[in-house]
Amino acid sequence: MSGRERALTEQRVLALAGVCQCALLAQELARRGHAQPEPLRCALESILVVNQTDPEIALGGVQGIYAGLPDLARKNPDPSAVERLRYAIAMIDIQKRLRRDTTTASRLRAQLDEIRDGRMILDLVSPEGISALAGIYSTTLSLLTPKVIIRGSEQHLKDEHIVLKVRSVLLAGVRAAYLFHELGGRKWQIFIGRKKLADSASRLLGGQ
């Protein structure tokens, strides 16, 4: 593998790890009612970084998506990891449908612009910020099919605040999936190119 090809693969892995991190956060919220705070913040902050194809800027580099790398590096996933992979693939599918639905894509951009314009006074991890992001997900991405179905504790999935957080991280996951596509990433690479992704993810984990 040439140096350029290796660098591009690592960029794709960073973007895909961003998707996997959001899958992990959604799973944690649905199962436990809470998620790792720093990965959550990094995921939500990435939503408003637009017009960037460099994962170092868009997602905060390795530190910003660190929680998503282990699933990519793991060559023999356990059932929980398999579930997270299903969530990640669902988010990749949603971004693909979003690209084809120009009306929904335009509405999504407009709503994100509104939040970005008021960013000085809006903490995205605050209840207000999470509610705003979840609202965007509900009026845009949730209208696309098939929907991303998150499984977990009935108690947690009936808690409105937790549901809002789940919707927010799904929005972040689709944003990372969009970046993955922009970098030439495709869903089939997760399966056919699994070893290459795993090796790259392991190197990134080892270098942290």
Protein backbone atom coordinates (compact mmCIF):
# COMPACT_ATOMS: atom_id res chain seq x y z
CA MET A 1 0.00 0.00 0.00
CA SER A 2 1.42 3.38 -1.00
CA GLY A 3 1.74 6.20 1.50
CA ARG A 4 -1.09 8.11 -0.15
CA GLU A 5 -3.39 5.08 -0.18
CA ARG A 6 -2.60 4.37 3.46
CA ALA A 7 -3.37 7.98 4.42
CA LEU A 8 -6.71 7.86 2.58
CA THR A 9 -7.60 4.56 4.23
CA GLU A 10 -6.87 6.07 7.64
CA GLN A 11 -9.09 9.05 6.83
CA ARG A 12 -11.91 6.70 5.89
CA VAL A 13 -11.35 4.71 9.07
CA LEU A 14 -11.56 7.89 11.14
CA ALA A 15 -14.86 8.81 9.49
CA LEU A 16 -16.22 5.29 9.87
CA ALA A 17 -15.08 5.23 13.50
CA GLY A 18 -17.16 8.38 13.94
CA VAL A 19 -20.19 6.41 12.77
CA CYS A 20 -19.28 3.49 15.05
CA GLN A 21 -18.83 5.82 18.01
CA CYS A 22 -22.35 7.14 17.50
CA ALA A 23 -23.64 3.57 17.28
CA LEU A 24 -21.93 2.86 20.60
CA LEU A 25 -23.39 5.99 22.21
CA ALA A 26 -26.89 5.10 21.02
CA GLN A 27 -26.49 1.58 22.40
CA GLU A 28 -25.23 2.87 25.76
CA LEU A 29 -28.13 5.29 26.05
CA ALA A 30 -30.71 2.65 25.14
CA ARG A 31 -29.27 -0.02 27.43
CA ARG A 32 -27.97 1.98 30.40
CA GLY A 33 -29.64 5.37 30.17
CA HIS A 34 -26.34 7.24 29.92
CA ALA A 35 -23.36 7.52 27.58
CA GLN A 36 -19.68 8.41 27.85
CA PRO A 37 -19.69 12.22 28.21
CA GLU A 38 -16.61 13.16 26.19
CA PRO A 39 -17.39 11.00 23.13
CA LEU A 40 -20.94 12.34 23.32
CA ARG A 41 -19.71 15.92 23.28
CA CYS A 42 -17.31 15.24 20.41
CA ALA A 43 -20.06 13.60 18.39
CA LEU A 44 -22.53 16.43 18.87
CA GLU A 45 -19.94 19.14 18.23
CA SER A 46 -19.07 17.52 14.89
CA ILE A 47 -22.59 18.06 13.57
CA LEU A 48 -22.01 21.76 12.98
CA VAL A 49 -18.64 21.36 11.25
CA VAL A 50 -19.55 21.58 7.57
CA ASN A 51 -17.69 21.80 4.27
CA GLN A 52 -14.80 19.81 5.73
CA THR A 53 -13.51 16.51 4.37
CA ASP A 54 -10.56 16.32 6.75
CA PRO A 55 -11.54 14.08 9.71
CA GLU A 56 -8.93 15.85 11.84
CA ILE A 57 -11.04 19.00 11.58
CA ALA A 58 -14.53 17.59 11.05
CA LEU A 59 -14.40 14.93 13.78
CA GLY A 60 -11.51 15.98 15.97
CA GLY A 61 -9.11 13.32 14.69
CA VAL A 62 -8.37 10.15 16.64
CA GLN A 63 -9.20 11.73 19.99
CA GLY A 64 -12.62 12.80 18.73
CA ILE A 65 -13.70 9.32 17.59
CA TYR A 66 -11.51 7.14 19.82
CA ALA A 67 -14.45 5.21 21.30
CA GLY A 68 -15.44 4.03 17.83
CA LEU A 69 -12.09 2.55 16.82
CA PRO A 70 -12.17 -0.71 18.85
CA ASP A 71 -15.17 -2.06 16.91
CA LEU A 72 -13.31 -1.52 13.65
CA ALA A 73 -10.12 -3.10 15.00
CA ARG A 74 -11.97 -6.12 16.40
CA LYS A 75 -11.79 -9.08 13.99
CA ASN A 76 -14.14 -11.33 15.96
CA PRO A 77 -17.00 -9.11 17.16
CA ASP A 78 -19.22 -10.17 20.04
CA PRO A 79 -23.05 -9.88 19.86
CA SER A 80 -23.03 -6.33 21.24
CA ALA A 81 -20.50 -5.26 18.62
CA VAL A 82 -22.56 -6.91 15.89
CA GLU A 83 -25.57 -4.90 17.03
CA ARG A 84 -23.52 -1.70 16.87
CA LEU A 85 -22.38 -2.61 13.37
CA ARG A 86 -26.02 -2.91 12.31
CA TYR A 87 -26.67 0.57 13.66
CA ALA A 88 -23.63 1.92 11.81
CA ILE A 89 -24.73 0.35 8.53
CA ALA A 90 -28.22 1.77 9.02
CA MET A 91 -26.74 5.27 9.40
CA ILE A 92 -24.69 4.77 6.24
CA ASP A 93 -27.87 3.75 4.42
CA ILE A 94 -29.69 6.84 5.71
CA GLN A 95 -27.00 9.20 4.43
CA LYS A 96 -27.24 7.50 1.04
CA ARG A 97 -30.97 8.16 0.92
CA LEU A 98 -30.40 11.72 2.09
CA ARG A 99 -28.17 12.36 -0.91
CA ARG A 100 -31.02 11.35 -3.19
CA ASP A 101 -33.65 13.42 -1.37
CA THR A 102 -32.72 17.01 -2.18
CA THR A 103 -35.76 18.44 -0.38
CA THR A 104 -34.90 16.79 2.92
CA ALA A 105 -31.21 17.60 2.48
CA SER A 106 -32.02 21.29 1.95
CA ARG A 107 -34.27 21.34 5.01
CA LEU A 108 -31.52 19.70 7.07
CA ARG A 109 -28.92 22.25 5.97
CA ALA A 110 -31.26 25.15 6.71
CA GLN A 111 -32.03 23.91 10.22
CA LEU A 112 -28.35 23.31 10.98
CA ASP A 113 -27.60 26.84 9.76
CA GLU A 114 -30.13 28.19 12.26
CA ILE A 115 -28.38 26.42 15.13
CA ARG A 116 -24.96 27.45 13.85
CA ASP A 117 -26.01 31.10 13.74
CA GLY A 118 -26.91 30.92 17.43
CA ARG A 119 -23.91 28.79 18.41
CA MET A 120 -22.46 31.43 20.74
CA ILE A 121 -25.27 30.87 23.22
CA LEU A 122 -26.05 27.22 22.59
CA ASP A 123 -24.24 24.39 24.37
CA LEU A 124 -24.97 21.36 22.23
CA VAL A 125 -24.73 18.97 25.19
CA SER A 126 -27.18 21.00 27.27
CA PRO A 127 -30.84 19.91 27.36
CA GLU A 128 -31.63 22.81 25.02
CA GLY A 129 -28.90 21.84 22.57
CA ILE A 130 -29.85 18.16 22.58
CA SER A 131 -33.51 19.05 22.10
CA ALA A 132 -32.64 21.26 19.12
CA LEU A 133 -30.51 18.57 17.46
CA ALA A 134 -33.08 15.86 18.14
CA GLY A 135 -35.74 18.09 16.62
CA ILE A 136 -33.71 18.37 13.43
CA TYR A 137 -33.37 14.59 13.28
CA SER A 138 -37.13 14.15 13.79
CA THR A 139 -38.09 16.56 11.00
CA THR A 140 -35.53 15.33 8.48
CA LEU A 141 -33.68 12.03 8.80
CA SER A 142 -36.42 10.20 10.68
CA LEU A 143 -38.67 10.70 7.65
CA LEU A 144 -36.35 8.59 5.49
CA THR A 145 -36.82 4.83 5.32
CA PRO A 146 -35.98 2.35 6.55
CA LYS A 147 -35.60 3.97 9.95
CA VAL A 148 -32.74 3.30 12.35
CA ILE A 149 -34.23 1.07 15.05
CA ILE A 150 -32.36 1.19 18.37
CA ARG A 151 -33.04 -1.61 20.83
CA GLY A 152 -32.57 -1.46 24.58
CA SER A 153 -34.30 -1.11 27.93
CA GLU A 154 -37.99 -0.25 27.65
CA GLN A 155 -37.57 2.01 30.66
CA HIS A 156 -34.85 4.05 28.99
CA LEU A 157 -36.52 4.13 25.58
CA LYS A 158 -39.62 5.64 27.19
CA ASP A 159 -37.58 8.39 28.83
CA GLU A 160 -38.01 11.47 26.64
CA HIS A 161 -34.63 12.97 27.55
CA ILE A 162 -32.81 9.74 26.66
CA VAL A 163 -34.73 9.43 23.39
CA LEU A 164 -33.70 12.99 22.49
CA LYS A 165 -30.06 12.09 23.12
CA VAL A 166 -30.36 8.99 20.94
CA ARG A 167 -31.80 11.06 18.09
CA SER A 168 -28.98 13.58 18.50
CA VAL A 169 -26.24 10.96 18.24
CA LEU A 170 -27.95 9.40 15.24
CA LEU A 171 -27.80 12.81 13.57
CA ALA A 172 -24.09 12.93 14.37
CA GLY A 173 -23.65 9.40 13.05
CA VAL A 174 -25.24 10.25 9.72
CA ARG A 175 -22.99 13.30 9.51
CA ALA A 176 -19.94 11.03 9.98
CA ALA A 177 -21.37 8.58 7.43
CA TYR A 178 -21.70 11.46 4.97
CA LEU A 179 -18.02 12.26 5.50
CA PHE A 180 -17.12 8.58 5.02
CA HIS A 181 -18.84 8.70 1.63
CA GLU A 182 -17.12 11.98 0.70
CA LEU A 183 -13.77 10.27 1.31
CA GLY A 184 -14.67 7.46 -1.07
CA GLY A 185 -15.93 5.11 1.62
CA ARG A 186 -18.67 2.65 0.69
CA LYS A 187 -20.66 0.15 2.71
CA TRP A 188 -19.21 -2.88 0.89
CA GLN A 189 -15.74 -1.94 2.16
CA ILE A 190 -16.87 -2.79 5.69
CA PHE A 191 -17.22 -6.40 4.61
CA ILE A 192 -14.92 -7.00 1.66
CA GLY A 193 -12.19 -4.70 2.93
CA ARG A 194 -12.59 -5.67 6.57
CA LYS A 195 -8.96 -6.66 7.19
CA LYS A 196 -7.61 -3.41 5.76
CA LEU A 197 -9.98 -1.39 7.95
CA ALA A 198 -9.13 -3.47 11.02
CA ASP A 199 -5.39 -3.11 10.50
CA SER A 200 -5.68 0.65 10.02
CA ALA A 201 -7.90 1.01 13.10
CA SER A 202 -5.40 -1.00 15.15
CA ARG A 203 -2.57 1.28 14.05
CA LEU A 204 -4.57 4.35 15.00
CA LEU A 205 -5.40 2.85 18.39
CA GLY A 206 -1.76 1.96 18.97
CA GLY A 207 -0.60 5.43 18.07
CA GLN A 208 -2.92 7.16 20.51
